[in-house]
C-alpha atoms as a PDB file:
ATOM      1  CA  MET A   1      24.105  31.801  14.152  1.00  0.00           C
ATOM      2  CA  VAL A   2      20.351  31.294  13.618  1.00  0.00           C
ATOM      3  CA  GLU A   3      19.146  32.354  10.204  1.00  0.00           C
ATOM      4  CA  LYS A   4      15.935  34.199   9.622  1.00  0.00           C
ATOM      5  CA  THR A   5      13.492  32.992   7.017  1.00  0.00           C
ATOM      6  CA  GLN A   6      12.731  34.996   3.890  1.00  0.00           C
ATOM      7  CA  SER A   7       9.711  36.494   5.601  1.00  0.00           C
ATOM      8  CA  GLY A   8      12.057  37.839   8.288  1.00  0.00           C
ATOM      9  CA  GLY A   9      10.648  35.816  11.205  1.00  0.00           C
ATOM     10  CA  LEU A  10      12.820  33.772  13.534  1.00  0.00           C
ATOM     11  CA  TRP A  11      10.172  31.300  14.745  1.00  0.00           C
ATOM     12  CA  PRO A  12       9.528  29.496  11.433  1.00  0.00           C
ATOM     13  CA  ALA A  13      13.260  28.698  11.182  1.00  0.00           C
ATOM     14  CA  LEU A  14      13.195  27.105  14.647  1.00  0.00           C
ATOM     15  CA  TYR A  15      10.298  24.817  13.680  1.00  0.00           C
ATOM     16  CA  ASP A  16      11.929  23.518  10.473  1.00  0.00           C
ATOM     17  CA  PRO A  17      13.671  20.541  12.172  1.00  0.00           C
ATOM     18  CA  PHE A  18      10.320  19.384  13.588  1.00  0.00           C
ATOM     19  CA  ARG A  19       8.681  19.583  10.151  1.00  0.00           C
ATOM     20  CA  GLN A  20      11.502  17.509   8.667  1.00  0.00           C
ATOM     21  CA  MET A  21      11.202  14.974  11.498  1.00  0.00           C
ATOM     22  CA  GLY A  22       7.618  14.209  10.472  1.00  0.00           C
ATOM     23  CA  HIS A  23       8.712  13.432   6.912  1.00  0.00           C
ATOM     24  CA  ARG A  24      11.584  11.265   8.133  1.00  0.00           C
ATOM     25  CA  LEU A  25       9.304   9.334  10.491  1.00  0.00           C
ATOM     26  CA  ALA A  26       6.866   8.652   7.639  1.00  0.00           C
ATOM     27  CA  GLU A  27       9.740   7.396   5.475  1.00  0.00           C
ATOM     28  CA  TRP A  28      10.975   5.154   8.312  1.00  0.00           C
ATOM     29  CA  LEU A  29       7.548   3.555   8.728  1.00  0.00           C
ATOM     30  CA  SER A  30       7.057   3.283   4.968  1.00  0.00           C
ATOM     31  CA  PRO A  31       7.917  -0.240   3.797  1.00  0.00           C
ATOM     32  CA  ALA A  32      10.633  -0.713   1.171  1.00  0.00           C
ATOM     33  CA  SER A  33       9.092  -1.532  -2.220  1.00  0.00           C
ATOM     34  CA  ASP A  34      10.016  -2.615  -5.743  1.00  0.00           C
ATOM     35  CA  ALA A  35       7.940  -2.263  -8.912  1.00  0.00           C
ATOM     36  CA  SER A  36       8.588  -4.154 -12.139  1.00  0.00           C
ATOM     37  CA  THR A  37       6.964  -5.581 -15.254  1.00  0.00           C
ATOM     38  CA  ASP A  38       7.547  -8.748 -17.247  1.00  0.00           C
ATOM     39  CA  GLY A  39       5.521  -7.858 -20.314  1.00  0.00           C
ATOM     40  CA  SER A  40       2.328  -9.630 -19.242  1.00  0.00           C
ATOM     41  CA  SER A  41       1.854  -8.119 -15.784  1.00  0.00           C
ATOM     42  CA  TYR A  42       3.022  -5.480 -13.332  1.00  0.00           C
ATOM     43  CA  ARG A  43       4.453  -6.533  -9.959  1.00  0.00           C
ATOM     44  CA  ILE A  44       4.837  -4.633  -6.730  1.00  0.00           C
ATOM     45  CA  SER A  45       6.803  -6.217  -3.879  1.00  0.00           C
ATOM     46  CA  MET A  46       6.837  -4.762  -0.367  1.00  0.00           C
ATOM     47  CA  GLU A  47       8.866  -5.790   2.648  1.00  0.00           C
ATOM     48  CA  LEU A  48       6.477  -6.264   5.566  1.00  0.00           C
ATOM     49  CA  PRO A  49       8.369  -8.281   8.203  1.00  0.00           C
ATOM     50  CA  GLY A  50       6.369  -8.820  11.357  1.00  0.00           C
ATOM     51  CA  VAL A  51       3.079  -7.687   9.778  1.00  0.00           C
ATOM     52  CA  ALA A  52       0.277 -10.250   9.972  1.00  0.00           C
ATOM     53  CA  GLU A  53      -1.891 -10.838   6.898  1.00  0.00           C
ATOM     54  CA  GLY A  54      -4.954  -9.672   8.832  1.00  0.00           C
ATOM     55  CA  ASP A  55      -3.255  -6.330   9.542  1.00  0.00           C
ATOM     56  CA  ILE A  56      -2.855  -5.488   5.832  1.00  0.00           C
ATOM     57  CA  ASP A  57      -5.531  -3.616   3.877  1.00  0.00           C
ATOM     58  CA  LEU A  58      -5.022  -3.784   0.105  1.00  0.00           C
ATOM     59  CA  SER A  59      -7.366  -1.900  -2.231  1.00  0.00           C
ATOM     60  CA  VAL A  60      -7.500  -0.750  -5.855  1.00  0.00           C
ATOM     61  CA  HIS A  61      -9.544   2.288  -6.872  1.00  0.00           C
ATOM     62  CA  ASP A  62      -9.379   4.364 -10.061  1.00  0.00           C
ATOM     63  CA  GLY A  63      -6.055   2.864 -11.123  1.00  0.00           C
ATOM     64  CA  VAL A  64      -4.353   3.346  -7.751  1.00  0.00           C
ATOM     65  CA  VAL A  65      -3.167   0.479  -5.548  1.00  0.00           C
ATOM     66  CA  THR A  66      -3.178   1.354  -1.838  1.00  0.00           C
ATOM     67  CA  VAL A  67      -1.555  -0.782   0.835  1.00  0.00           C
ATOM     68  CA  LYS A  68      -2.244   0.145   4.456  1.00  0.00           C
ATOM     69  CA  GLY A  69      -1.329  -1.692   7.582  1.00  0.00           C
ATOM     70  CA  GLU A  70      -0.187  -1.753  11.145  1.00  0.00           C
ATOM     71  CA  LYS A  71       3.188  -3.046  12.268  1.00  0.00           C
ATOM     72  CA  SER A  72       3.547  -4.363  15.780  1.00  0.00           C
ATOM     73  CA  ASP A  73       6.698  -6.284  16.634  1.00  0.00           C
ATOM     74  CA  THR A  74       7.934  -7.095  20.118  1.00  0.00           C
ATOM     75  CA  ARG A  75      11.150  -8.828  21.095  1.00  0.00           C
ATOM     76  CA  GLU A  76      11.910  -9.704  24.699  1.00  0.00           C
ATOM     77  CA  GLU A  77      15.059 -11.236  26.162  1.00  0.00           C
ATOM     78  CA  LYS A  78      15.766 -12.131  29.786  1.00  0.00           C
ATOM     79  CA  GLY A  79      18.818 -13.338  31.629  1.00  0.00           C
ATOM     80  CA  ASP A  80      19.825 -13.910  35.229  1.00  0.00           C
ATOM     81  CA  THR A  81      20.866 -10.312  35.767  1.00  0.00           C
ATOM     82  CA  TRP A  82      19.517  -8.490  32.742  1.00  0.00           C
ATOM     83  CA  TYR A  83      16.308  -7.800  30.851  1.00  0.00           C
ATOM     84  CA  PHE A  84      15.816  -6.352  27.377  1.00  0.00           C
ATOM     85  CA  SER A  85      12.650  -5.506  25.456  1.00  0.00           C
ATOM     86  CA  GLU A  86      12.434  -3.874  22.033  1.00  0.00           C
ATOM     87  CA  ARG A  87       9.221  -2.853  20.304  1.00  0.00           C
ATOM     88  CA  GLN A  88       8.458  -1.479  16.867  1.00  0.00           C
ATOM     89  CA  TYR A  89       4.980  -0.386  15.965  1.00  0.00           C
ATOM     90  CA  GLY A  90       3.147   2.059  13.778  1.00  0.00           C
ATOM     91  CA  SER A  91       0.838   2.304  10.823  1.00  0.00           C
ATOM     92  CA  PHE A  92       1.900   2.716   7.230  1.00  0.00           C
ATOM     93  CA  SER A  93       0.325   3.522   3.888  1.00  0.00           C
ATOM     94  CA  ARG A  94       1.774   3.303   0.376  1.00  0.00           C
ATOM     95  CA  THR A  95       0.056   4.128  -2.915  1.00  0.00           C
ATOM     96  CA  PHE A  96       1.060   3.207  -6.447  1.00  0.00           C
ATOM     97  CA  ARG A  97      -0.516   4.598  -9.629  1.00  0.00           C
ATOM     98  CA  LEU A  98      -1.011   1.871 -12.224  1.00  0.00           C
ATOM     99  CA  PRO A  99      -0.276   2.396 -15.922  1.00  0.00           C
ATOM    100  CA  ALA A 100      -3.250   2.796 -18.279  1.00  0.00           C
ATOM    101  CA  ASP A 101      -2.945  -0.774 -19.621  1.00  0.00           C
ATOM    102  CA  ALA A 102      -3.177  -2.400 -16.147  1.00  0.00           C
ATOM    103  CA  ASP A 103      -6.251  -4.565 -15.548  1.00  0.00           C
ATOM    104  CA  ASP A 104      -7.108  -3.379 -12.034  1.00  0.00           C
ATOM    105  CA  GLY A 105     -10.081  -5.766 -11.862  1.00  0.00           C
ATOM    106  CA  LYS A 106      -7.790  -8.824 -11.723  1.00  0.00           C
ATOM    107  CA  VAL A 107      -5.275  -7.949  -9.006  1.00  0.00           C
ATOM    108  CA  GLU A 108      -3.730 -10.827  -7.037  1.00  0.00           C
ATOM    109  CA  ALA A 109      -1.660 -10.611  -3.860  1.00  0.00           C
ATOM    110  CA  HIS A 110       0.464 -13.104  -1.924  1.00  0.00           C
ATOM    111  CA  LEU A 111       2.232 -12.738   1.432  1.00  0.00           C
ATOM    112  CA  LYS A 112       5.188 -15.050   1.993  1.00  0.00           C
ATOM    113  CA  ASP A 113       8.155 -14.728   4.362  1.00  0.00           C
ATOM    114  CA  GLY A 114       7.330 -11.094   5.174  1.00  0.00           C
ATOM    115  CA  VAL A 115       7.121  -9.992   1.527  1.00  0.00           C
ATOM    116  CA  LEU A 116       3.818  -8.909  -0.017  1.00  0.00           C
ATOM    117  CA  THR A 117       3.740  -9.429  -3.786  1.00  0.00           C
ATOM    118  CA  ILE A 118       0.982  -7.765  -5.800  1.00  0.00           C
ATOM    119  CA  ALA A 119       0.452  -8.844  -9.424  1.00  0.00           C
ATOM    120  CA  VAL A 120      -1.634  -6.788 -11.839  1.00  0.00           C
ATOM    121  CA  PRO A 121      -2.084  -8.264 -15.345  1.00  0.00           C
ATOM    122  CA  ARG A 122      -1.762  -6.042 -18.372  1.00  0.00           C
ATOM    123  CA  LYS A 123      -4.745  -5.709 -20.671  1.00  0.00           C
ATOM    124  CA  SER A 124      -4.377  -7.240 -24.091  1.00  0.00           C
ATOM    125  CA  PRO A 125      -4.252  -4.532 -26.699  1.00  0.00           C
ATOM    126  CA  GLU A 126      -7.446  -4.440 -28.675  1.00  0.00           C
ATOM    127  CA  PRO A 127      -6.920  -4.563 -32.406  1.00  0.00           C
ATOM    128  CA  SER A 128      -7.834  -1.290 -34.008  1.00  0.00           C
ATOM    129  CA  LYS A 129     -10.653  -1.356 -36.528  1.00  0.00           C
ATOM    130  CA  ALA A 130     -11.055   0.838 -39.545  1.00  0.00           C
ATOM    131  CA  THR A 131     -14.223   2.887 -39.419  1.00  0.00           C
ATOM    132  CA  LYS A 132     -16.087   3.813 -42.569  1.00  0.00           C
ATOM    133  CA  VAL A 133     -16.905   7.523 -42.613  1.00  0.00           C
ATOM    134  CA  THR A 134     -19.877   8.723 -44.648  1.00  0.00           C
ATOM    135  CA  ILE A 135     -19.299  11.907 -46.628  1.00  0.00           C
ATOM    136  CA  ASN A 136     -22.303  14.213 -46.610  1.00  0.00           C
ATOM    137  CA  ARG A 137     -23.058  16.447 -49.608  1.00  0.00           C
ATOM    138  CA  GLY A 138     -23.712  20.044 -49.315  1.00  0.00           C
END
Protein backbone atom coordinates (compact mmCIF):
# COMPACT_ATOMS: atom_id res chain seq x y z
CA MET A 1 0.00 0.00 0.00
CA VAL A 2 1.37 3.44 -0.94
CA GLU A 3 0.77 6.09 1.68
CA LYS A 4 -0.26 9.60 0.88
CA THR A 5 1.59 12.52 2.38
CA GLN A 6 -0.04 14.87 4.87
CA SER A 7 -0.89 17.24 2.05
CA GLY A 8 -2.86 14.41 0.43
CA GLY A 9 -0.71 14.07 -2.71
CA LEU A 10 0.67 10.76 -3.91
CA TRP A 11 3.62 12.10 -5.94
CA PRO A 12 5.68 13.55 -3.06
CA ALA A 13 5.62 10.13 -1.34
CA LEU A 14 7.02 8.48 -4.48
CA TYR A 15 9.95 10.93 -4.62
CA ASP A 16 10.99 10.42 -0.97
CA PRO A 17 13.41 7.53 -1.72
CA PHE A 18 15.23 9.71 -4.27
CA ARG A 19 15.57 12.55 -1.76
CA GLN A 20 17.02 10.14 0.80
CA MET A 21 19.42 8.73 -1.81
CA GLY A 22 21.03 12.16 -2.22
CA HIS A 23 21.70 12.39 1.52
CA ARG A 24 23.10 8.86 1.61
CA LEU A 25 25.39 9.54 -1.36
CA ALA A 26 26.74 12.67 0.35
CA GLU A 27 27.41 10.66 3.51
CA TRP A 28 29.18 7.94 1.49
CA LEU A 29 31.49 10.48 -0.16
CA SER A 30 32.04 12.32 3.12
CA PRO A 31 35.33 11.20 4.70
CA ALA A 32 35.30 9.69 8.19
CA SER A 33 36.61 12.20 10.75
CA ASP A 34 37.62 12.50 14.40
CA ALA A 35 37.90 15.66 16.49
CA SER A 36 39.74 15.91 19.80
CA THR A 37 41.65 18.25 22.10
CA ASP A 38 44.69 17.78 24.31
CA GLY A 39 44.43 20.99 26.30
CA SER A 40 46.83 23.02 24.15
CA SER A 41 45.30 22.44 20.72
CA TYR A 42 42.35 21.04 18.79
CA ARG A 43 42.89 18.21 16.30
CA ILE A 44 40.80 17.05 13.39
CA SER A 45 41.76 13.82 11.60
CA MET A 46 40.17 12.76 8.32
CA GLU A 47 40.57 9.54 6.38
CA LEU A 48 41.43 10.43 2.79
CA PRO A 49 42.84 7.26 1.19
CA GLY A 50 43.67 7.70 -2.47
CA VAL A 51 43.39 11.51 -2.35
CA ALA A 52 46.51 13.35 -3.50
CA GLU A 53 47.72 16.35 -1.48
CA GLY A 54 47.19 18.60 -4.51
CA ASP A 55 43.52 17.56 -4.65
CA ILE A 56 42.78 18.84 -1.12
CA ASP A 57 41.66 22.41 -0.45
CA LEU A 58 41.89 23.39 3.22
CA SER A 59 40.70 26.82 4.38
CA VAL A 60 39.78 28.61 7.61
CA HIS A 61 37.34 31.52 7.61
CA ASP A 62 35.43 33.08 10.51
CA GLY A 63 36.19 30.18 12.85
CA VAL A 64 35.17 27.46 10.39
CA VAL A 65 37.59 24.90 8.95
CA THR A 66 36.57 23.66 5.49
CA VAL A 67 38.15 20.69 3.76
CA LYS A 68 37.23 20.11 0.12
CA GLY A 69 38.66 17.66 -2.31
CA GLU A 70 38.29 15.24 -5.15
CA LYS A 71 38.73 11.49 -4.81
CA SER A 72 39.76 9.51 -7.84
CA ASP A 73 40.88 5.93 -7.31
CA THR A 74 41.22 3.29 -10.00
CA ARG A 75 42.13 -0.36 -9.57
CA GLU A 76 42.64 -2.64 -12.55
CA GLU A 77 43.35 -6.37 -12.60
CA LYS A 78 43.89 -8.61 -15.62
CA GLY A 79 44.28 -12.33 -16.07
CA ASP A 80 44.44 -14.75 -18.96
CA THR A 81 40.68 -15.08 -19.22
CA TRP A 82 39.35 -12.28 -17.04
CA TYR A 83 39.50 -8.52 -16.58
CA PHE A 84 38.37 -6.41 -13.64
CA SER A 85 38.35 -2.64 -13.15
CA GLU A 86 36.98 -0.75 -10.16
CA ARG A 87 36.79 3.03 -9.86
CA GLN A 88 35.79 5.36 -7.06
CA TYR A 89 35.56 9.06 -7.63
CA GLY A 90 33.70 12.10 -6.45
CA SER A 91 34.13 15.37 -4.64
CA PHE A 92 33.66 15.91 -0.94
CA SER A 93 33.39 18.80 1.49
CA ARG A 94 33.44 18.82 5.29
CA THR A 95 33.18 21.82 7.62
CA PHE A 96 34.02 22.09 11.30
CA ARG A 97 33.18 25.05 13.55
CA LEU A 98 36.06 25.88 15.87
CA PRO A 99 35.56 26.78 19.53
CA ALA A 100 35.96 30.45 20.53
CA ASP A 101 39.43 29.89 22.04
CA ALA A 102 40.89 28.37 18.83
CA ASP A 103 43.67 30.39 17.18
CA ASP A 104 42.54 30.06 13.56
CA GLY A 105 45.53 32.11 12.36
CA LYS A 106 47.98 29.31 13.26
CA VAL A 107 46.43 26.21 11.70
CA GLU A 108 48.79 23.41 10.62
CA ALA A 109 47.96 20.38 8.49
CA HIS A 110 49.81 17.16 7.65
CA LEU A 111 48.89 14.36 5.24
CA LYS A 112 50.44 10.98 5.98
CA ASP A 113 49.34 7.48 4.94
CA GLY A 114 45.96 8.73 3.70
CA VAL A 115 45.11 10.58 6.92
CA LEU A 116 44.88 14.38 7.01
CA THR A 117 45.58 15.79 10.47
CA ILE A 118 44.68 19.42 11.18
CA ALA A 119 46.02 21.06 14.35
CA VAL A 120 44.61 24.32 15.67
CA PRO A 121 46.31 25.75 18.79
CA ARG A 122 44.22 27.15 21.60
CA LYS A 123 44.68 30.78 22.54
CA SER A 124 46.25 31.43 25.90
CA PRO A 125 43.71 32.95 28.22
CA GLU A 126 44.44 36.59 28.79
CA PRO A 127 44.62 37.54 32.44
CA SER A 128 41.72 39.73 33.40
CA LYS A 129 42.54 43.21 34.63
CA ALA A 130 40.64 45.24 37.15
CA THR A 131 39.36 48.48 35.71
CA LYS A 132 39.03 51.58 37.84
CA VAL A 133 35.61 53.17 37.39
CA THR A 134 35.21 56.89 38.05
CA ILE A 135 32.08 57.87 39.95
CA ASN A 136 30.52 61.07 38.66
CA ARG A 137 28.66 63.41 41.02
CA GLY A 138 25.29 64.70 40.33
